[in-house]
Amino acid sequence: NELPPDSRRLRKILAHLDKELAANETVGTY
């Protein structure tokens, strides 16, 4: 629904999402 307004937390969320995408891509490839 809502994203935090500050860039520090947004960067953390983005890093987490990138990490999850990479992990799921590895599983998908396997």
PDB file of all heavy atoms in Angstrom:
ATOM      1  N   ASN A   1       0.808  -1.204   0.000  1.00  0.00           N
ATOM      2  CA  ASN A   1       0.000   0.000   0.000  1.00  0.00           C
ATOM      3  C   ASN A   1       0.847   1.262   0.000  1.00  0.00           C
ATOM      4  O   ASN A   1       0.682   2.127  -0.832  1.00  0.00           O
ATOM      5  CB  ASN A   1      -0.948   0.026   1.198  1.00  0.00           C
ATOM      6  CG  ASN A   1      -2.004  -1.046   1.077  1.00  0.00           C
ATOM      7  OD1 ASN A   1      -2.277  -1.508  -0.017  1.00  0.00           O
ATOM      8  ND2 ASN A   1      -2.576  -1.448   2.189  1.00  0.00           N
ATOM      9  N   GLU A   2       1.741   1.364   0.948  1.00  0.00           N
ATOM     10  CA  GLU A   2       2.537   2.577   1.048  1.00  0.00           C
ATOM     11  C   GLU A   2       4.004   2.234   1.201  1.00  0.00           C
ATOM     12  O   GLU A   2       4.369   1.291   1.890  1.00  0.00           O
ATOM     13  CB  GLU A   2       2.105   3.407   2.257  1.00  0.00           C
ATOM     14  CG  GLU A   2       0.744   4.014   2.109  1.00  0.00           C
ATOM     15  CD  GLU A   2       0.418   4.936   3.275  1.00  0.00           C
ATOM     16  OE1 GLU A   2       1.328   5.625   3.768  1.00  0.00           O
ATOM     17  OE2 GLU A   2      -0.733   4.930   3.680  1.00  0.00           O
ATOM     18  N   LEU A   3       4.842   3.018   0.555  1.00  0.00           N
ATOM     19  CA  LEU A   3       6.287   2.866   0.677  1.00  0.00           C
ATOM     20  C   LEU A   3       6.792   3.959   1.604  1.00  0.00           C
ATOM     21  O   LEU A   3       6.228   5.061   1.663  1.00  0.00           O
ATOM     22  CB  LEU A   3       6.945   2.986  -0.685  1.00  0.00           C
ATOM     23  CG  LEU A   3       6.652   1.850  -1.647  1.00  0.00           C
ATOM     24  CD1 LEU A   3       7.221   2.172  -3.026  1.00  0.00           C
ATOM     25  CD2 LEU A   3       7.235   0.554  -1.137  1.00  0.00           C
ATOM     26  N   PRO A   4       7.876   3.682   2.329  1.00  0.00           N
ATOM     27  CA  PRO A   4       8.418   4.724   3.207  1.00  0.00           C
ATOM     28  C   PRO A   4       8.950   5.891   2.366  1.00  0.00           C
ATOM     29  O   PRO A   4       9.400   5.701   1.236  1.00  0.00           O
ATOM     30  CB  PRO A   4       9.536   4.024   3.964  1.00  0.00           C
ATOM     31  CG  PRO A   4       9.860   2.811   3.180  1.00  0.00           C
ATOM     32  CD  PRO A   4       8.634   2.453   2.404  1.00  0.00           C
ATOM     33  N   PRO A   5       8.923   7.089   2.922  1.00  0.00           N
ATOM     34  CA  PRO A   5       9.340   8.259   2.155  1.00  0.00           C
ATOM     35  C   PRO A   5      10.857   8.444   2.065  1.00  0.00           C
ATOM     36  O   PRO A   5      11.346   9.096   1.141  1.00  0.00           O
ATOM     37  CB  PRO A   5       8.693   9.429   2.905  1.00  0.00           C
ATOM     38  CG  PRO A   5       8.559   8.946   4.303  1.00  0.00           C
ATOM     39  CD  PRO A   5       8.338   7.472   4.212  1.00  0.00           C
ATOM     40  N   ASP A   6      11.625   7.837   3.001  1.00  0.00           N
ATOM     41  CA  ASP A   6      13.065   8.112   2.999  1.00  0.00           C
ATOM     42  C   ASP A   6      13.828   7.121   2.110  1.00  0.00           C
ATOM     43  O   ASP A   6      13.460   5.957   1.963  1.00  0.00           O
ATOM     44  CB  ASP A   6      13.611   8.097   4.440  1.00  0.00           C
ATOM     45  CG  ASP A   6      13.400   6.780   5.124  1.00  0.00           C
ATOM     46  OD1 ASP A   6      12.227   6.341   5.237  1.00  0.00           O
ATOM     47  OD2 ASP A   6      14.402   6.158   5.529  1.00  0.00           O
ATOM     48  N   SER A   7      14.905   7.627   1.524  1.00  0.00           N
ATOM     49  CA  SER A   7      15.668   6.840   0.555  1.00  0.00           C
ATOM     50  C   SER A   7      16.421   5.675   1.216  1.00  0.00           C
ATOM     51  O   SER A   7      16.646   4.645   0.583  1.00  0.00           O
ATOM     52  CB  SER A   7      16.639   7.738  -0.208  1.00  0.00           C
ATOM     53  OG  SER A   7      17.577   8.305   0.674  1.00  0.00           O
ATOM     54  N   ARG A   8      16.803   5.809   2.491  1.00  0.00           N
ATOM     55  CA  ARG A   8      17.538   4.744   3.161  1.00  0.00           C
ATOM     56  C   ARG A   8      16.698   3.469   3.215  1.00  0.00           C
ATOM     57  O   ARG A   8      17.141   2.386   2.846  1.00  0.00           O
ATOM     58  CB  ARG A   8      17.943   5.189   4.564  1.00  0.00           C
ATOM     59  CG  ARG A   8      18.825   4.174   5.296  1.00  0.00           C
ATOM     60  CD  ARG A   8      19.202   4.615   6.702  1.00  0.00           C
ATOM     61  NE  ARG A   8      18.081   4.750   7.611  1.00  0.00           N
ATOM     62  CZ  ARG A   8      17.470   3.740   8.236  1.00  0.00           C
ATOM     63  NH1 ARG A   8      17.863   2.519   8.043  1.00  0.00           N
ATOM     64  NH2 ARG A   8      16.460   3.970   9.051  1.00  0.00           N
ATOM     65  N   ARG A   9      15.472   3.563   3.657  1.00  0.00           N
ATOM     66  CA  ARG A   9      14.599   2.389   3.735  1.00  0.00           C
ATOM     67  C   ARG A   9      14.200   1.900   2.346  1.00  0.00           C
ATOM     68  O   ARG A   9      14.090   0.699   2.116  1.00  0.00           O
ATOM     69  CB  ARG A   9      13.360   2.708   4.576  1.00  0.00           C
ATOM     70  CG  ARG A   9      13.712   2.830   6.056  1.00  0.00           C
ATOM     71  CD  ARG A   9      12.497   2.884   6.932  1.00  0.00           C
ATOM     72  NE  ARG A   9      11.819   4.162   6.766  1.00  0.00           N
ATOM     73  CZ  ARG A   9      10.657   4.488   7.316  1.00  0.00           C
ATOM     74  NH1 ARG A   9      10.038   3.626   8.095  1.00  0.00           N
ATOM     75  NH2 ARG A   9      10.105   5.663   7.120  1.00  0.00           N
ATOM     76  N   LEU A  10      14.001   2.813   1.429  1.00  0.00           N
ATOM     77  CA  LEU A  10      13.666   2.395   0.058  1.00  0.00           C
ATOM     78  C   LEU A  10      14.806   1.585  -0.569  1.00  0.00           C
ATOM     79  O   LEU A  10      14.583   0.590  -1.253  1.00  0.00           O
ATOM     80  CB  LEU A  10      13.337   3.612  -0.817  1.00  0.00           C
ATOM     81  CG  LEU A  10      11.992   4.281  -0.540  1.00  0.00           C
ATOM     82  CD1 LEU A  10      11.902   5.606  -1.299  1.00  0.00           C
ATOM     83  CD2 LEU A  10      10.857   3.356  -0.916  1.00  0.00           C
ATOM     84  N   ARG A  11      16.071   2.017  -0.303  1.00  0.00           N
ATOM     85  CA  ARG A  11      17.227   1.271  -0.823  1.00  0.00           C
ATOM     86  C   ARG A  11      17.302  -0.128  -0.182  1.00  0.00           C
ATOM     87  O   ARG A  11      17.646  -1.102  -0.840  1.00  0.00           O
ATOM     88  CB  ARG A  11      18.518   2.044  -0.577  1.00  0.00           C
ATOM     89  CG  ARG A  11      18.668   3.249  -1.452  1.00  0.00           C
ATOM     90  CD  ARG A  11      20.021   3.914  -1.295  1.00  0.00           C
ATOM     91  NE  ARG A  11      20.014   5.290  -1.710  1.00  0.00           N
ATOM     92  CZ  ARG A  11      19.910   5.722  -2.954  1.00  0.00           C
ATOM     93  NH1 ARG A  11      19.794   4.871  -3.926  1.00  0.00           N
ATOM     94  NH2 ARG A  11      19.900   7.000  -3.233  1.00  0.00           N
ATOM     95  N   LYS A  12      16.981  -0.219   1.105  1.00  0.00           N
ATOM     96  CA  LYS A  12      16.965  -1.516   1.795  1.00  0.00           C
ATOM     97  C   LYS A  12      15.917  -2.441   1.164  1.00  0.00           C
ATOM     98  O   LYS A  12      16.164  -3.624   0.925  1.00  0.00           O
ATOM     99  CB  LYS A  12      16.652  -1.342   3.280  1.00  0.00           C
ATOM    100  CG  LYS A  12      17.794  -0.871   4.097  1.00  0.00           C
ATOM    101  CD  LYS A  12      18.628  -2.070   4.448  1.00  0.00           C
ATOM    102  CE  LYS A  12      19.564  -1.674   5.582  1.00  0.00           C
ATOM    103  NZ  LYS A  12      20.556  -2.673   5.824  1.00  0.00           N
ATOM    104  N   ILE A  13      14.750  -1.914   0.926  1.00  0.00           N
ATOM    105  CA  ILE A  13      13.673  -2.706   0.323  1.00  0.00           C
ATOM    106  C   ILE A  13      14.086  -3.161  -1.076  1.00  0.00           C
ATOM    107  O   ILE A  13      13.897  -4.322  -1.454  1.00  0.00           O
ATOM    108  CB  ILE A  13      12.362  -1.889   0.276  1.00  0.00           C
ATOM    109  CG1 ILE A  13      11.831  -1.667   1.695  1.00  0.00           C
ATOM    110  CG2 ILE A  13      11.314  -2.588  -0.591  1.00  0.00           C
ATOM    111  CD1 ILE A  13      10.669  -0.686   1.780  1.00  0.00           C
ATOM    112  N   LEU A  14      14.670  -2.244  -1.845  1.00  0.00           N
ATOM    113  CA  LEU A  14      15.114  -2.572  -3.201  1.00  0.00           C
ATOM    114  C   LEU A  14      16.190  -3.659  -3.172  1.00  0.00           C
ATOM    115  O   LEU A  14      16.145  -4.610  -3.960  1.00  0.00           O
ATOM    116  CB  LEU A  14      15.635  -1.313  -3.897  1.00  0.00           C
ATOM    117  CG  LEU A  14      16.016  -1.461  -5.359  1.00  0.00           C
ATOM    118  CD1 LEU A  14      14.827  -1.920  -6.191  1.00  0.00           C
ATOM    119  CD2 LEU A  14      16.561  -0.148  -5.896  1.00  0.00           C
ATOM    120  N   ALA A  15      17.140  -3.549  -2.245  1.00  0.00           N
ATOM    121  CA  ALA A  15      18.195  -4.565  -2.132  1.00  0.00           C
ATOM    122  C   ALA A  15      17.597  -5.925  -1.782  1.00  0.00           C
ATOM    123  O   ALA A  15      17.984  -6.967  -2.331  1.00  0.00           O
ATOM    124  CB  ALA A  15      19.220  -4.141  -1.084  1.00  0.00           C
ATOM    125  N   HIS A  16      16.633  -5.938  -0.865  1.00  0.00           N
ATOM    126  CA  HIS A  16      15.975  -7.184  -0.484  1.00  0.00           C
ATOM    127  C   HIS A  16      15.238  -7.791  -1.681  1.00  0.00           C
ATOM    128  O   HIS A  16      15.323  -9.003  -1.932  1.00  0.00           O
ATOM    129  CB  HIS A  16      14.998  -6.945   0.673  1.00  0.00           C
ATOM    130  CG  HIS A  16      14.172  -8.136   1.006  1.00  0.00           C
ATOM    131  ND1 HIS A  16      14.681  -9.222   1.669  1.00  0.00           N
ATOM    132  CD2 HIS A  16      12.872  -8.418   0.737  1.00  0.00           C
ATOM    133  CE1 HIS A  16      13.734 -10.135   1.804  1.00  0.00           C
ATOM    134  NE2 HIS A  16      12.626  -9.665   1.250  1.00  0.00           N
ATOM    135  N   LEU A  17      14.512  -6.964  -2.423  1.00  0.00           N
ATOM    136  CA  LEU A  17      13.779  -7.465  -3.589  1.00  0.00           C
ATOM    137  C   LEU A  17      14.736  -8.007  -4.655  1.00  0.00           C
ATOM    138  O   LEU A  17      14.471  -9.058  -5.259  1.00  0.00           O
ATOM    139  CB  LEU A  17      12.895  -6.357  -4.174  1.00  0.00           C
ATOM    140  CG  LEU A  17      11.709  -5.939  -3.294  1.00  0.00           C
ATOM    141  CD1 LEU A  17      11.020  -4.718  -3.901  1.00  0.00           C
ATOM    142  CD2 LEU A  17      10.731  -7.090  -3.132  1.00  0.00           C
ATOM    143  N   ASP A  18      15.854  -7.325  -4.877  1.00  0.00           N
ATOM    144  CA  ASP A  18      16.853  -7.813  -5.841  1.00  0.00           C
ATOM    145  C   ASP A  18      17.412  -9.165  -5.406  1.00  0.00           C
ATOM    146  O   ASP A  18      17.594 -10.078  -6.210  1.00  0.00           O
ATOM    147  CB  ASP A  18      17.984  -6.803  -6.009  1.00  0.00           C
ATOM    148  CG  ASP A  18      17.556  -5.584  -6.813  1.00  0.00           C
ATOM    149  OD1 ASP A  18      16.541  -5.665  -7.538  1.00  0.00           O
ATOM    150  OD2 ASP A  18      18.253  -4.553  -6.715  1.00  0.00           O
ATOM    151  N   LYS A  19      17.671  -9.287  -4.096  1.00  0.00           N
ATOM    152  CA  LYS A  19      18.201 -10.541  -3.559  1.00  0.00           C
ATOM    153  C   LYS A  19      17.187 -11.679  -3.756  1.00  0.00           C
ATOM    154  O   LYS A  19      17.544 -12.783  -4.171  1.00  0.00           O
ATOM    155  CB  LYS A  19      18.535 -10.366  -2.083  1.00  0.00           C
ATOM    156  CG  LYS A  19      19.086 -11.594  -1.410  1.00  0.00           C
ATOM    157  CD  LYS A  19      19.363 -11.310   0.054  1.00  0.00           C
ATOM    158  CE  LYS A  19      19.662 -12.608   0.789  1.00  0.00           C
ATOM    159  NZ  LYS A  19      19.750 -12.395   2.224  1.00  0.00           N
ATOM    160  N   GLU A  20      15.942 -11.439  -3.463  1.00  0.00           N
ATOM    161  CA  GLU A  20      14.901 -12.463  -3.620  1.00  0.00           C
ATOM    162  C   GLU A  20      14.715 -12.842  -5.091  1.00  0.00           C
ATOM    163  O   GLU A  20      14.541 -14.013  -5.416  1.00  0.00           O
ATOM    164  CB  GLU A  20      13.574 -11.975  -3.031  1.00  0.00           C
ATOM    165  CG  GLU A  20      13.564 -11.907  -1.519  1.00  0.00           C
ATOM    166  CD  GLU A  20      13.792 -13.267  -0.885  1.00  0.00           C
ATOM    167  OE1 GLU A  20      13.135 -14.239  -1.297  1.00  0.00           O
ATOM    168  OE2 GLU A  20      14.636 -13.352   0.021  1.00  0.00           O
ATOM    169  N   LEU A  21      14.767 -11.853  -5.975  1.00  0.00           N
ATOM    170  CA  LEU A  21      14.648 -12.153  -7.407  1.00  0.00           C
ATOM    171  C   LEU A  21      15.795 -13.037  -7.880  1.00  0.00           C
ATOM    172  O   LEU A  21      15.599 -13.989  -8.632  1.00  0.00           O
ATOM    173  CB  LEU A  21      14.613 -10.852  -8.220  1.00  0.00           C
ATOM    174  CG  LEU A  21      13.273 -10.117  -8.248  1.00  0.00           C
ATOM    175  CD1 LEU A  21      13.440  -8.754  -8.905  1.00  0.00           C
ATOM    176  CD2 LEU A  21      12.250 -10.944  -8.992  1.00  0.00           C
ATOM    177  N   ALA A  22      17.016 -12.718  -7.429  1.00  0.00           N
ATOM    178  CA  ALA A  22      18.184 -13.517  -7.827  1.00  0.00           C
ATOM    179  C   ALA A  22      18.059 -14.944  -7.296  1.00  0.00           C
ATOM    180  O   ALA A  22      18.341 -15.914  -7.999  1.00  0.00           O
ATOM    181  CB  ALA A  22      19.461 -12.863  -7.326  1.00  0.00           C
ATOM    182  N   ALA A  23      17.632 -15.100  -6.040  1.00  0.00           N
ATOM    183  CA  ALA A  23      17.481 -16.438  -5.452  1.00  0.00           C
ATOM    184  C   ALA A  23      16.421 -17.234  -6.196  1.00  0.00           C
ATOM    185  O   ALA A  23      16.607 -18.416  -6.490  1.00  0.00           O
ATOM    186  CB  ALA A  23      17.141 -16.323  -3.972  1.00  0.00           C
ATOM    187  N   ASN A  24      15.321 -16.600  -6.495  1.00  0.00           N
ATOM    188  CA  ASN A  24      14.251 -17.302  -7.199  1.00  0.00           C
ATOM    189  C   ASN A  24      14.628 -17.594  -8.642  1.00  0.00           C
ATOM    190  O   ASN A  24      14.184 -18.587  -9.208  1.00  0.00           O
ATOM    191  CB  ASN A  24      12.952 -16.507  -7.123  1.00  0.00           C
ATOM    192  CG  ASN A  24      12.359 -16.536  -5.723  1.00  0.00           C
ATOM    193  OD1 ASN A  24      12.482 -17.527  -5.027  1.00  0.00           O
ATOM    194  ND2 ASN A  24      11.745 -15.450  -5.307  1.00  0.00           N
ATOM    195  N   GLU A  25      15.453 -16.766  -9.229  1.00  0.00           N
ATOM    196  CA  GLU A  25      15.917 -17.029 -10.596  1.00  0.00           C
ATOM    197  C   GLU A  25      16.804 -18.268 -10.608  1.00  0.00           C
ATOM    198  O   GLU A  25      16.714 -19.100 -11.501  1.00  0.00           O
ATOM    199  CB  GLU A  25      16.679 -15.811 -11.133  1.00  0.00           C
ATOM    200  CG  GLU A  25      17.111 -15.971 -12.572  1.00  0.00           C
ATOM    201  CD  GLU A  25      17.796 -14.719 -13.099  1.00  0.00           C
ATOM    202  OE1 GLU A  25      17.607 -13.634 -12.534  1.00  0.00           O
ATOM    203  OE2 GLU A  25      18.528 -14.863 -14.085  1.00  0.00           O
ATOM    204  N   THR A  26      17.656 -18.423  -9.587  1.00  0.00           N
ATOM    205  CA  THR A  26      18.507 -19.603  -9.485  1.00  0.00           C
ATOM    206  C   THR A  26      17.658 -20.858  -9.341  1.00  0.00           C
ATOM    207  O   THR A  26      17.881 -21.866 -10.013  1.00  0.00           O
ATOM    208  CB  THR A  26      19.464 -19.477  -8.288  1.00  0.00           C
ATOM    209  OG1 THR A  26      20.252 -18.291  -8.452  1.00  0.00           O
ATOM    210  CG2 THR A  26      20.367 -20.674  -8.158  1.00  0.00           C
ATOM    211  N   VAL A  27      16.666 -20.797  -8.477  1.00  0.00           N
ATOM    212  CA  VAL A  27      15.774 -21.943  -8.298  1.00  0.00           C
ATOM    213  C   VAL A  27      15.019 -22.230  -9.588  1.00  0.00           C
ATOM    214  O   VAL A  27      14.878 -23.381 -10.002  1.00  0.00           O
ATOM    215  CB  VAL A  27      14.795 -21.688  -7.121  1.00  0.00           C
ATOM    216  CG1 VAL A  27      13.720 -22.754  -7.068  1.00  0.00           C
ATOM    217  CG2 VAL A  27      15.542 -21.633  -5.812  1.00  0.00           C
ATOM    218  N   GLY A  28      14.564 -21.189 -10.248  1.00  0.00           N
ATOM    219  CA  GLY A  28      13.846 -21.364 -11.510  1.00  0.00           C
ATOM    220  C   GLY A  28      14.728 -22.012 -12.575  1.00  0.00           C
ATOM    221  O   GLY A  28      14.283 -22.901 -13.312  1.00  0.00           O
ATOM    222  N   THR A  29      15.983 -21.584 -12.662  1.00  0.00           N
ATOM    223  CA  THR A  29      16.913 -22.178 -13.627  1.00  0.00           C
ATOM    224  C   THR A  29      17.131 -23.649 -13.312  1.00  0.00           C
ATOM    225  O   THR A  29      17.094 -24.501 -14.194  1.00  0.00           O
ATOM    226  CB  THR A  29      18.265 -21.433 -13.595  1.00  0.00           C
ATOM    227  OG1 THR A  29      18.034 -20.060 -13.924  1.00  0.00           O
ATOM    228  CG2 THR A  29      19.252 -22.032 -14.566  1.00  0.00           C
ATOM    229  N   TYR A  30      17.339 -23.974 -12.040  1.00  0.00           N
ATOM    230  CA  TYR A  30      17.531 -25.362 -11.631  1.00  0.00           C
ATOM    231  C   TYR A  30      16.295 -26.208 -11.991  1.00  0.00           C
ATOM    232  O   TYR A  30      16.419 -27.298 -12.544  1.00  0.00           O
ATOM    233  CB  TYR A  30      17.799 -25.435 -10.123  1.00  0.00           C
ATOM    234  CG  TYR A  30      17.781 -26.833  -9.580  1.00  0.00           C
ATOM    235  CD1 TYR A  30      18.855 -27.689  -9.777  1.00  0.00           C
ATOM    236  CD2 TYR A  30      16.670 -27.318  -8.885  1.00  0.00           C
ATOM    237  CE1 TYR A  30      18.843 -28.983  -9.292  1.00  0.00           C
ATOM    238  CE2 TYR A  30      16.654 -28.613  -8.396  1.00  0.00           C
ATOM    239  CZ  TYR A  30      17.736 -29.435  -8.602  1.00  0.00           C
ATOM    240  OH  TYR A  30      17.711 -30.710  -8.132  1.00  0.00           O
TER     241      TYR A  30
END
